[in-house]
Amino acid sequence: MNWSFQLYSARNFQPWNGVVKMLGELGYKQVEGFGGVYDDPKAFRAELDKNGLAMPTGHFSIDALENDFDGVRKIADALGIKLMICPYLMPDQRPSDAAGWRGFGERLAKAGETAKKAGYGFAWHNHDFEFKALADGSLPQDHILSAAPDIGWEMDVAWVVRGGADPLPWIEKHGKRIVAVHVKDMAKPGEGLDEDGWSDVGHGTIDWAGLFKTLRAKSAAQYFIMEQDNPNDIERYARRSIAAAKSWQE
């Protein structure tokens, strides 16, 4: 199992060469990119190579995917990214009704088509807002997935839970489309107060041992990526999380 690590988690713990070295030493084999590591892709690739790490997946904004796909492709090729993932929609850009979310899904479908024609995989990454019911009771995530039937889904399980949904029915229904998973945990009551309510993986409230088995059996996920949006100690988070994850395979 090649455990991956979303580098966004370490954005506040520079320099990057120290972060990459630590991840390699802890036993990670992959990392996932985001905008903060794309300034000099060739140099960053050299650091990854030096530490035995690959970057098969990377996050790219909808604006970059729609307006500068050539730039996105150059970054992806320099870093070895095979799966392009659109990770977010800013609050002021989020639709307020079903038709709007279907329209956004159609934009993702077009971006996915462009990526596919160029030889890449493509997926959408969820947060919690896609699971908040609209006025008509429907969910944005349903509209996104139905309007873009050919794109994959990078499932961020903890955001699904924080959005008020149970991940299991979603895995059951869309498992074939789940191509990557963000392995993130939510803190127990009274803990993680200075970490936005997140915790080290395996030390929070989500049944990751059980979910991991379910995802391996019922999804198409090839990549399992550790993430914590605001850790206060990156080495502790990375170390304890991969140790917990390895225990699920025993």
C-alpha atoms as a PDB file:
ATOM      1  CA  MET A   1       0.000   0.000   0.000  1.00  0.00           C
ATOM      2  CA  ASN A   2       1.483   3.313  -1.095  1.00  0.00           C
ATOM      3  CA  TRP A   3       0.176   5.813   1.444  1.00  0.00           C
ATOM      4  CA  SER A   4       0.022   9.378   0.168  1.00  0.00           C
ATOM      5  CA  PHE A   5       0.081  12.767   1.894  1.00  0.00           C
ATOM      6  CA  GLN A   6      -1.679  15.962   0.809  1.00  0.00           C
ATOM      7  CA  LEU A   7       1.016  18.617   0.975  1.00  0.00           C
ATOM      8  CA  TYR A   8      -1.544  21.322   1.788  1.00  0.00           C
ATOM      9  CA  SER A   9      -1.434  19.880   5.323  1.00  0.00           C
ATOM     10  CA  ALA A  10       2.185  21.044   5.634  1.00  0.00           C
ATOM     11  CA  ARG A  11       1.860  24.524   4.100  1.00  0.00           C
ATOM     12  CA  ASN A  12       2.647  26.174   7.458  1.00  0.00           C
ATOM     13  CA  PHE A  13       5.724  24.013   8.144  1.00  0.00           C
ATOM     14  CA  GLN A  14       8.342  25.173   5.678  1.00  0.00           C
ATOM     15  CA  PRO A  15      10.792  24.630   4.031  1.00  0.00           C
ATOM     16  CA  TRP A  16       9.356  22.083   1.603  1.00  0.00           C
ATOM     17  CA  ASN A  17      12.583  20.094   1.314  1.00  0.00           C
ATOM     18  CA  GLY A  18      12.389  19.384   5.071  1.00  0.00           C
ATOM     19  CA  VAL A  19       8.745  18.300   4.772  1.00  0.00           C
ATOM     20  CA  VAL A  20       9.472  16.001   1.831  1.00  0.00           C
ATOM     21  CA  LYS A  21      12.473  14.440   3.583  1.00  0.00           C
ATOM     22  CA  MET A  22      10.377  13.774   6.712  1.00  0.00           C
ATOM     23  CA  LEU A  23       7.562  12.147   4.718  1.00  0.00           C
ATOM     24  CA  GLY A  24       9.985   9.839   2.925  1.00  0.00           C
ATOM     25  CA  GLU A  25      11.602   8.826   6.213  1.00  0.00           C
ATOM     26  CA  LEU A  26       8.199   8.098   7.787  1.00  0.00           C
ATOM     27  CA  GLY A  27       7.344   5.622   5.036  1.00  0.00           C
ATOM     28  CA  TYR A  28       5.061   7.599   2.727  1.00  0.00           C
ATOM     29  CA  LYS A  29       5.507   6.675  -0.939  1.00  0.00           C
ATOM     30  CA  GLN A  30       3.356   9.361  -2.535  1.00  0.00           C
ATOM     31  CA  VAL A  31       2.282  12.960  -2.070  1.00  0.00           C
ATOM     32  CA  GLU A  32      -0.585  14.964  -3.515  1.00  0.00           C
ATOM     33  CA  GLY A  33       0.134  18.392  -4.941  1.00  0.00           C
ATOM     34  CA  PHE A  34      -1.675  21.717  -4.606  1.00  0.00           C
ATOM     35  CA  GLY A  35      -1.057  25.252  -5.879  1.00  0.00           C
ATOM     36  CA  GLY A  36       1.526  26.048  -3.212  1.00  0.00           C
ATOM     37  CA  VAL A  37       4.082  23.584  -4.657  1.00  0.00           C
ATOM     38  CA  TYR A  38       3.697  24.340  -8.368  1.00  0.00           C
ATOM     39  CA  ASP A  39       5.995  27.381  -8.679  1.00  0.00           C
ATOM     40  CA  ASP A  40       9.034  25.377  -9.818  1.00  0.00           C
ATOM     41  CA  PRO A  41       7.743  21.897 -10.709  1.00  0.00           C
ATOM     42  CA  LYS A  42      11.072  20.539 -11.970  1.00  0.00           C
ATOM     43  CA  ALA A  43      12.911  21.488  -8.786  1.00  0.00           C
ATOM     44  CA  PHE A  44      10.108  20.066  -6.649  1.00  0.00           C
ATOM     45  CA  ARG A  45      10.175  16.841  -8.664  1.00  0.00           C
ATOM     46  CA  ALA A  46      13.907  16.559  -7.982  1.00  0.00           C
ATOM     47  CA  GLU A  47      13.229  16.805  -4.211  1.00  0.00           C
ATOM     48  CA  LEU A  48      10.552  14.108  -4.480  1.00  0.00           C
ATOM     49  CA  ASP A  49      12.834  11.809  -6.483  1.00  0.00           C
ATOM     50  CA  LYS A  50      15.622  12.295  -3.958  1.00  0.00           C
ATOM     51  CA  ASN A  51      13.325  11.121  -1.158  1.00  0.00           C
ATOM     52  CA  GLY A  52      11.655   8.186  -2.939  1.00  0.00           C
ATOM     53  CA  LEU A  53       8.318   9.945  -3.368  1.00  0.00           C
ATOM     54  CA  ALA A  54       5.961  10.161  -6.352  1.00  0.00           C
ATOM     55  CA  MET A  55       3.160  12.674  -7.014  1.00  0.00           C
ATOM     56  CA  PRO A  56       0.509  10.775  -8.992  1.00  0.00           C
ATOM     57  CA  THR A  57      -2.344  13.152  -8.019  1.00  0.00           C
ATOM     58  CA  GLY A  58      -2.634  16.925  -7.840  1.00  0.00           C
ATOM     59  CA  HIS A  59      -5.240  19.602  -7.128  1.00  0.00           C
ATOM     60  CA  PHE A  60      -5.945  22.320  -9.711  1.00  0.00           C
ATOM     61  CA  SER A  61      -8.534  25.086  -9.488  1.00  0.00           C
ATOM     62  CA  ILE A  62     -11.516  25.164 -11.832  1.00  0.00           C
ATOM     63  CA  ASP A  63     -10.219  28.502 -13.170  1.00  0.00           C
ATOM     64  CA  ALA A  64      -6.833  27.010 -14.095  1.00  0.00           C
ATOM     65  CA  LEU A  65      -8.449  23.932 -15.647  1.00  0.00           C
ATOM     66  CA  GLU A  66     -10.828  26.034 -17.756  1.00  0.00           C
ATOM     67  CA  ASN A  67      -8.561  28.942 -18.666  1.00  0.00           C
ATOM     68  CA  ASP A  68      -5.001  27.603 -18.672  1.00  0.00           C
ATOM     69  CA  PHE A  69      -5.096  23.887 -19.352  1.00  0.00           C
ATOM     70  CA  ASP A  70      -1.744  24.020 -21.147  1.00  0.00           C
ATOM     71  CA  GLY A  71      -0.182  25.454 -17.988  1.00  0.00           C
ATOM     72  CA  VAL A  72      -1.847  22.776 -15.865  1.00  0.00           C
ATOM     73  CA  ARG A  73      -0.596  20.058 -18.200  1.00  0.00           C
ATOM     74  CA  LYS A  74       2.998  21.329 -18.070  1.00  0.00           C
ATOM     75  CA  ILE A  75       2.925  21.279 -14.253  1.00  0.00           C
ATOM     76  CA  ALA A  76       1.374  17.808 -14.229  1.00  0.00           C
ATOM     77  CA  ASP A  77       3.943  16.401 -16.643  1.00  0.00           C
ATOM     78  CA  ALA A  78       6.902  17.887 -14.752  1.00  0.00           C
ATOM     79  CA  LEU A  79       5.672  16.380 -11.469  1.00  0.00           C
ATOM     80  CA  GLY A  80       4.367  13.054 -12.806  1.00  0.00           C
ATOM     81  CA  ILE A  81       0.707  13.780 -11.992  1.00  0.00           C
ATOM     82  CA  LYS A  82      -1.680  11.310 -13.665  1.00  0.00           C
ATOM     83  CA  LEU A  83      -4.925  12.272 -11.914  1.00  0.00           C
ATOM     84  CA  MET A  84      -6.016  15.927 -11.988  1.00  0.00           C
ATOM     85  CA  ILE A  85      -8.431  16.849  -9.207  1.00  0.00           C
ATOM     86  CA  CYS A  86     -10.594  19.958  -8.934  1.00  0.00           C
ATOM     87  CA  PRO A  87     -10.690  20.587  -5.184  1.00  0.00           C
ATOM     88  CA  TYR A  88     -12.964  23.469  -4.279  1.00  0.00           C
ATOM     89  CA  LEU A  89     -15.418  26.174  -5.215  1.00  0.00           C
ATOM     90  CA  MET A  90     -15.084  29.513  -3.450  1.00  0.00           C
ATOM     91  CA  PRO A  91     -18.139  30.515  -1.365  1.00  0.00           C
ATOM     92  CA  ASP A  92     -18.981  33.458  -3.624  1.00  0.00           C
ATOM     93  CA  GLN A  93     -18.999  31.140  -6.664  1.00  0.00           C
ATOM     94  CA  ARG A  94     -21.280  28.469  -5.213  1.00  0.00           C
ATOM     95  CA  PRO A  95     -24.741  28.148  -6.771  1.00  0.00           C
ATOM     96  CA  SER A  96     -27.807  28.429  -4.602  1.00  0.00           C
ATOM     97  CA  ASP A  97     -30.139  26.051  -6.440  1.00  0.00           C
ATOM     98  CA  ALA A  98     -30.248  22.690  -8.204  1.00  0.00           C
ATOM     99  CA  ALA A  99     -29.975  24.164 -11.706  1.00  0.00           C
ATOM    100  CA  GLY A 100     -26.862  26.071 -10.686  1.00  0.00           C
ATOM    101  CA  TRP A 101     -25.194  22.972  -9.289  1.00  0.00           C
ATOM    102  CA  ARG A 102     -26.050  20.991 -12.406  1.00  0.00           C
ATOM    103  CA  GLY A 103     -24.445  23.787 -14.392  1.00  0.00           C
ATOM    104  CA  PHE A 104     -21.306  23.518 -12.283  1.00  0.00           C
ATOM    105  CA  GLY A 105     -21.327  19.748 -12.823  1.00  0.00           C
ATOM    106  CA  GLU A 106     -21.425  20.391 -16.585  1.00  0.00           C
ATOM    107  CA  ARG A 107     -18.354  22.620 -16.260  1.00  0.00           C
ATOM    108  CA  LEU A 108     -16.552  19.795 -14.450  1.00  0.00           C
ATOM    109  CA  ALA A 109     -17.661  17.362 -17.161  1.00  0.00           C
ATOM    110  CA  LYS A 110     -16.038  19.587 -19.815  1.00  0.00           C
ATOM    111  CA  ALA A 111     -12.851  19.948 -17.787  1.00  0.00           C
ATOM    112  CA  GLY A 112     -12.807  16.172 -17.368  1.00  0.00           C
ATOM    113  CA  GLU A 113     -13.232  15.656 -21.093  1.00  0.00           C
ATOM    114  CA  THR A 114     -10.295  17.956 -21.820  1.00  0.00           C
ATOM    115  CA  ALA A 115      -8.150  16.121 -19.264  1.00  0.00           C
ATOM    116  CA  LYS A 116      -9.163  12.708 -20.581  1.00  0.00           C
ATOM    117  CA  LYS A 117      -8.355  13.648 -24.187  1.00  0.00           C
ATOM    118  CA  ALA A 118      -4.902  14.741 -22.997  1.00  0.00           C
ATOM    119  CA  GLY A 119      -4.360  11.396 -21.257  1.00  0.00           C
ATOM    120  CA  TYR A 120      -5.130  12.217 -17.614  1.00  0.00           C
ATOM    121  CA  GLY A 121      -7.695  11.024 -15.113  1.00  0.00           C
ATOM    122  CA  PHE A 122     -10.005  13.647 -13.614  1.00  0.00           C
ATOM    123  CA  ALA A 123     -11.988  13.911 -10.366  1.00  0.00           C
ATOM    124  CA  TRP A 124     -13.906  16.279  -8.120  1.00  0.00           C
ATOM    125  CA  HIS A 125     -12.953  16.616  -4.441  1.00  0.00           C
ATOM    126  CA  ASN A 126     -15.741  17.321  -1.952  1.00  0.00           C
ATOM    127  CA  HIS A 127     -15.954  19.454   1.173  1.00  0.00           C
ATOM    128  CA  ASP A 128     -18.999  19.760   3.444  1.00  0.00           C
ATOM    129  CA  PHE A 129     -21.047  22.273   1.436  1.00  0.00           C
ATOM    130  CA  GLU A 130     -21.998  19.679  -1.207  1.00  0.00           C
ATOM    131  CA  PHE A 131     -23.929  17.770   1.466  1.00  0.00           C
ATOM    132  CA  LYS A 132     -25.961  20.723   2.769  1.00  0.00           C
ATOM    133  CA  ALA A 133     -29.526  20.444   1.474  1.00  0.00           C
ATOM    134  CA  LEU A 134     -30.804  23.098  -0.943  1.00  0.00           C
ATOM    135  CA  ALA A 135     -34.219  24.732  -0.572  1.00  0.00           C
ATOM    136  CA  ASP A 136     -35.830  21.877  -2.541  1.00  0.00           C
ATOM    137  CA  GLY A 137     -34.191  19.267  -0.272  1.00  0.00           C
ATOM    138  CA  SER A 138     -31.729  18.028  -2.898  1.00  0.00           C
ATOM    139  CA  LEU A 139     -27.948  17.866  -2.396  1.00  0.00           C
ATOM    140  CA  PRO A 140     -25.320  19.631  -4.526  1.00  0.00           C
ATOM    141  CA  GLN A 141     -23.175  16.477  -4.604  1.00  0.00           C
ATOM    142  CA  ASP A 142     -25.960  14.536  -6.324  1.00  0.00           C
ATOM    143  CA  HIS A 143     -26.320  17.252  -8.960  1.00  0.00           C
ATOM    144  CA  ILE A 144     -22.553  17.405  -9.556  1.00  0.00           C
ATOM    145  CA  LEU A 145     -22.196  13.640  -9.994  1.00  0.00           C
ATOM    146  CA  SER A 146     -25.282  13.272 -12.205  1.00  0.00           C
ATOM    147  CA  ALA A 147     -24.342  16.214 -14.454  1.00  0.00           C
ATOM    148  CA  ALA A 148     -20.789  14.884 -14.866  1.00  0.00           C
ATOM    149  CA  PRO A 149     -21.286  11.105 -15.171  1.00  0.00           C
ATOM    150  CA  ASP A 150     -17.806  10.393 -16.523  1.00  0.00           C
ATOM    151  CA  ILE A 151     -15.667  12.127 -13.891  1.00  0.00           C
ATOM    152  CA  GLY A 152     -14.215  10.469 -10.822  1.00  0.00           C
ATOM    153  CA  TRP A 153     -14.658  11.459  -7.191  1.00  0.00           C
ATOM    154  CA  GLU A 154     -11.932  12.038  -4.637  1.00  0.00           C
ATOM    155  CA  MET A 155     -13.954  11.351  -1.506  1.00  0.00           C
ATOM    156  CA  ASP A 156     -12.986  13.355   1.557  1.00  0.00           C
ATOM    157  CA  VAL A 157     -14.728  11.185   4.117  1.00  0.00           C
ATOM    158  CA  ALA A 158     -14.393  13.558   7.076  1.00  0.00           C
ATOM    159  CA  TRP A 159     -15.917  16.436   5.113  1.00  0.00           C
ATOM    160  CA  VAL A 160     -18.815  14.151   4.150  1.00  0.00           C
ATOM    161  CA  VAL A 161     -19.373  13.460   7.858  1.00  0.00           C
ATOM    162  CA  ARG A 162     -18.986  17.122   8.784  1.00  0.00           C
ATOM    163  CA  GLY A 163     -21.549  17.929   6.098  1.00  0.00           C
ATOM    164  CA  GLY A 164     -24.037  15.767   7.989  1.00  0.00           C
ATOM    165  CA  ALA A 165     -23.985  12.694   5.748  1.00  0.00           C
ATOM    166  CA  ASP A 166     -23.172   9.027   6.336  1.00  0.00           C
ATOM    167  CA  PRO A 167     -20.314   8.014   3.996  1.00  0.00           C
ATOM    168  CA  LEU A 168     -21.412   4.357   3.696  1.00  0.00           C
ATOM    169  CA  PRO A 169     -24.459   4.843   1.405  1.00  0.00           C
ATOM    170  CA  TRP A 170     -22.380   7.145  -0.785  1.00  0.00           C
ATOM    171  CA  ILE A 171     -19.647   4.501  -1.087  1.00  0.00           C
ATOM    172  CA  GLU A 172     -22.317   1.892  -1.848  1.00  0.00           C
ATOM    173  CA  LYS A 173     -23.878   4.030  -4.569  1.00  0.00           C
ATOM    174  CA  HIS A 174     -20.817   5.659  -6.155  1.00  0.00           C
ATOM    175  CA  GLY A 175     -17.970   3.288  -5.270  1.00  0.00           C
ATOM    176  CA  LYS A 176     -16.995   2.728  -8.908  1.00  0.00           C
ATOM    177  CA  ARG A 177     -16.416   6.474  -9.276  1.00  0.00           C
ATOM    178  CA  ILE A 178     -14.360   6.911  -6.101  1.00  0.00           C
ATOM    179  CA  VAL A 179     -10.832   6.990  -7.547  1.00  0.00           C
ATOM    180  CA  ALA A 180      -9.079   8.531  -4.543  1.00  0.00           C
ATOM    181  CA  VAL A 181      -9.826   9.041  -0.850  1.00  0.00           C
ATOM    182  CA  HIS A 182      -8.758  11.714   1.617  1.00  0.00           C
ATOM    183  CA  VAL A 183      -8.012   9.962   4.875  1.00  0.00           C
ATOM    184  CA  LYS A 184      -8.896  12.562   7.490  1.00  0.00           C
ATOM    185  CA  ASP A 185     -10.215  12.261  11.040  1.00  0.00           C
ATOM    186  CA  MET A 186     -12.418  14.409  13.276  1.00  0.00           C
ATOM    187  CA  ALA A 187     -11.405  15.190  16.842  1.00  0.00           C
ATOM    188  CA  LYS A 188     -13.250  13.827  19.835  1.00  0.00           C
ATOM    189  CA  PRO A 189     -15.381  16.327  21.802  1.00  0.00           C
ATOM    190  CA  GLY A 190     -13.174  18.860  23.598  1.00  0.00           C
ATOM    191  CA  GLU A 191     -10.060  17.908  21.584  1.00  0.00           C
ATOM    192  CA  GLY A 192      -8.422  19.470  18.520  1.00  0.00           C
ATOM    193  CA  LEU A 193      -9.653  22.932  19.493  1.00  0.00           C
ATOM    194  CA  ASP A 194      -6.590  24.604  17.956  1.00  0.00           C
ATOM    195  CA  GLU A 195      -6.700  22.283  14.905  1.00  0.00           C
ATOM    196  CA  ASP A 196     -10.134  23.265  13.574  1.00  0.00           C
ATOM    197  CA  GLY A 197     -11.668  20.165  15.150  1.00  0.00           C
ATOM    198  CA  TRP A 198      -9.550  17.665  13.179  1.00  0.00           C
ATOM    199  CA  SER A 199      -7.311  14.981  14.643  1.00  0.00           C
ATOM    200  CA  ASP A 200      -4.484  12.627  13.764  1.00  0.00           C
ATOM    201  CA  VAL A 201      -5.859   9.784  11.648  1.00  0.00           C
ATOM    202  CA  GLY A 202      -6.976   6.863  13.799  1.00  0.00           C
ATOM    203  CA  HIS A 203      -7.164   9.019  16.928  1.00  0.00           C
ATOM    204  CA  GLY A 204     -10.521  10.677  16.273  1.00  0.00           C
ATOM    205  CA  THR A 205     -14.175   9.723  15.942  1.00  0.00           C
ATOM    206  CA  ILE A 206     -14.278   8.165  12.459  1.00  0.00           C
ATOM    207  CA  ASP A 207     -14.161   4.355  12.196  1.00  0.00           C
ATOM    208  CA  TRP A 208     -11.282   4.340   9.752  1.00  0.00           C
ATOM    209  CA  ALA A 209     -10.360   0.684  10.235  1.00  0.00           C
ATOM    210  CA  GLY A 210     -13.846  -0.310   9.088  1.00  0.00           C
ATOM    211  CA  LEU A 211     -14.133   2.331   6.381  1.00  0.00           C
ATOM    212  CA  PHE A 212     -10.777   1.389   4.890  1.00  0.00           C
ATOM    213  CA  LYS A 213     -11.938  -2.225   4.461  1.00  0.00           C
ATOM    214  CA  THR A 214     -15.209  -1.030   2.888  1.00  0.00           C
ATOM    215  CA  LEU A 215     -13.428   1.327   0.504  1.00  0.00           C
ATOM    216  CA  ARG A 216     -10.962  -1.372  -0.542  1.00  0.00           C
ATOM    217  CA  ALA A 217     -13.836  -3.773  -1.229  1.00  0.00           C
ATOM    218  CA  LYS A 218     -16.434  -1.457  -2.741  1.00  0.00           C
ATOM    219  CA  SER A 219     -14.635   1.432  -4.417  1.00  0.00           C
ATOM    220  CA  ALA A 220     -12.200   1.981  -7.271  1.00  0.00           C
ATOM    221  CA  ALA A 221      -9.891   4.045  -5.056  1.00  0.00           C
ATOM    222  CA  GLN A 222      -6.223   3.744  -6.053  1.00  0.00           C
ATOM    223  CA  TYR A 223      -4.939   6.535  -3.832  1.00  0.00           C
ATOM    224  CA  PHE A 224      -5.347   6.968  -0.077  1.00  0.00           C
ATOM    225  CA  ILE A 225      -4.143  10.411   0.958  1.00  0.00           C
ATOM    226  CA  MET A 226      -3.616  11.624   4.522  1.00  0.00           C
ATOM    227  CA  GLU A 227      -4.792  15.164   5.155  1.00  0.00           C
ATOM    228  CA  GLN A 228      -5.307  17.465   8.095  1.00  0.00           C
ATOM    229  CA  ASP A 229      -6.337  21.025   7.258  1.00  0.00           C
ATOM    230  CA  ASN A 230      -4.680  22.705  10.247  1.00  0.00           C
ATOM    231  CA  PRO A 231      -2.289  20.490  12.246  1.00  0.00           C
ATOM    232  CA  ASN A 232      -0.286  22.094  15.068  1.00  0.00           C
ATOM    233  CA  ASP A 233       2.595  19.605  14.735  1.00  0.00           C
ATOM    234  CA  ILE A 234       3.207  18.229  11.249  1.00  0.00           C
ATOM    235  CA  GLU A 235       5.713  15.534  12.232  1.00  0.00           C
ATOM    236  CA  ARG A 236       3.436  14.124  14.946  1.00  0.00           C
ATOM    237  CA  TYR A 237       0.428  14.196  12.634  1.00  0.00           C
ATOM    238  CA  ALA A 238       2.247  12.488   9.745  1.00  0.00           C
ATOM    239  CA  ARG A 239       3.895   9.883  11.997  1.00  0.00           C
ATOM    240  CA  ARG A 240       0.849   8.873  14.055  1.00  0.00           C
ATOM    241  CA  SER A 241      -1.443   8.836  11.016  1.00  0.00           C
ATOM    242  CA  ILE A 242       0.654   6.461   8.893  1.00  0.00           C
ATOM    243  CA  ALA A 243       1.210   4.209  11.929  1.00  0.00           C
ATOM    244  CA  ALA A 244      -2.568   3.954  12.422  1.00  0.00           C
ATOM    245  CA  ALA A 245      -3.148   3.374   8.713  1.00  0.00           C
ATOM    246  CA  LYS A 246      -0.607   0.555   8.546  1.00  0.00           C
ATOM    247  CA  SER A 247      -2.396  -1.184  11.434  1.00  0.00           C
ATOM    248  CA  TRP A 248      -5.578  -1.484   9.311  1.00  0.00           C
ATOM    249  CA  GLN A 249      -3.716  -3.704   6.860  1.00  0.00           C
ATOM    250  CA  GLU A 250      -2.576  -6.198   9.508  1.00  0.00           C
END
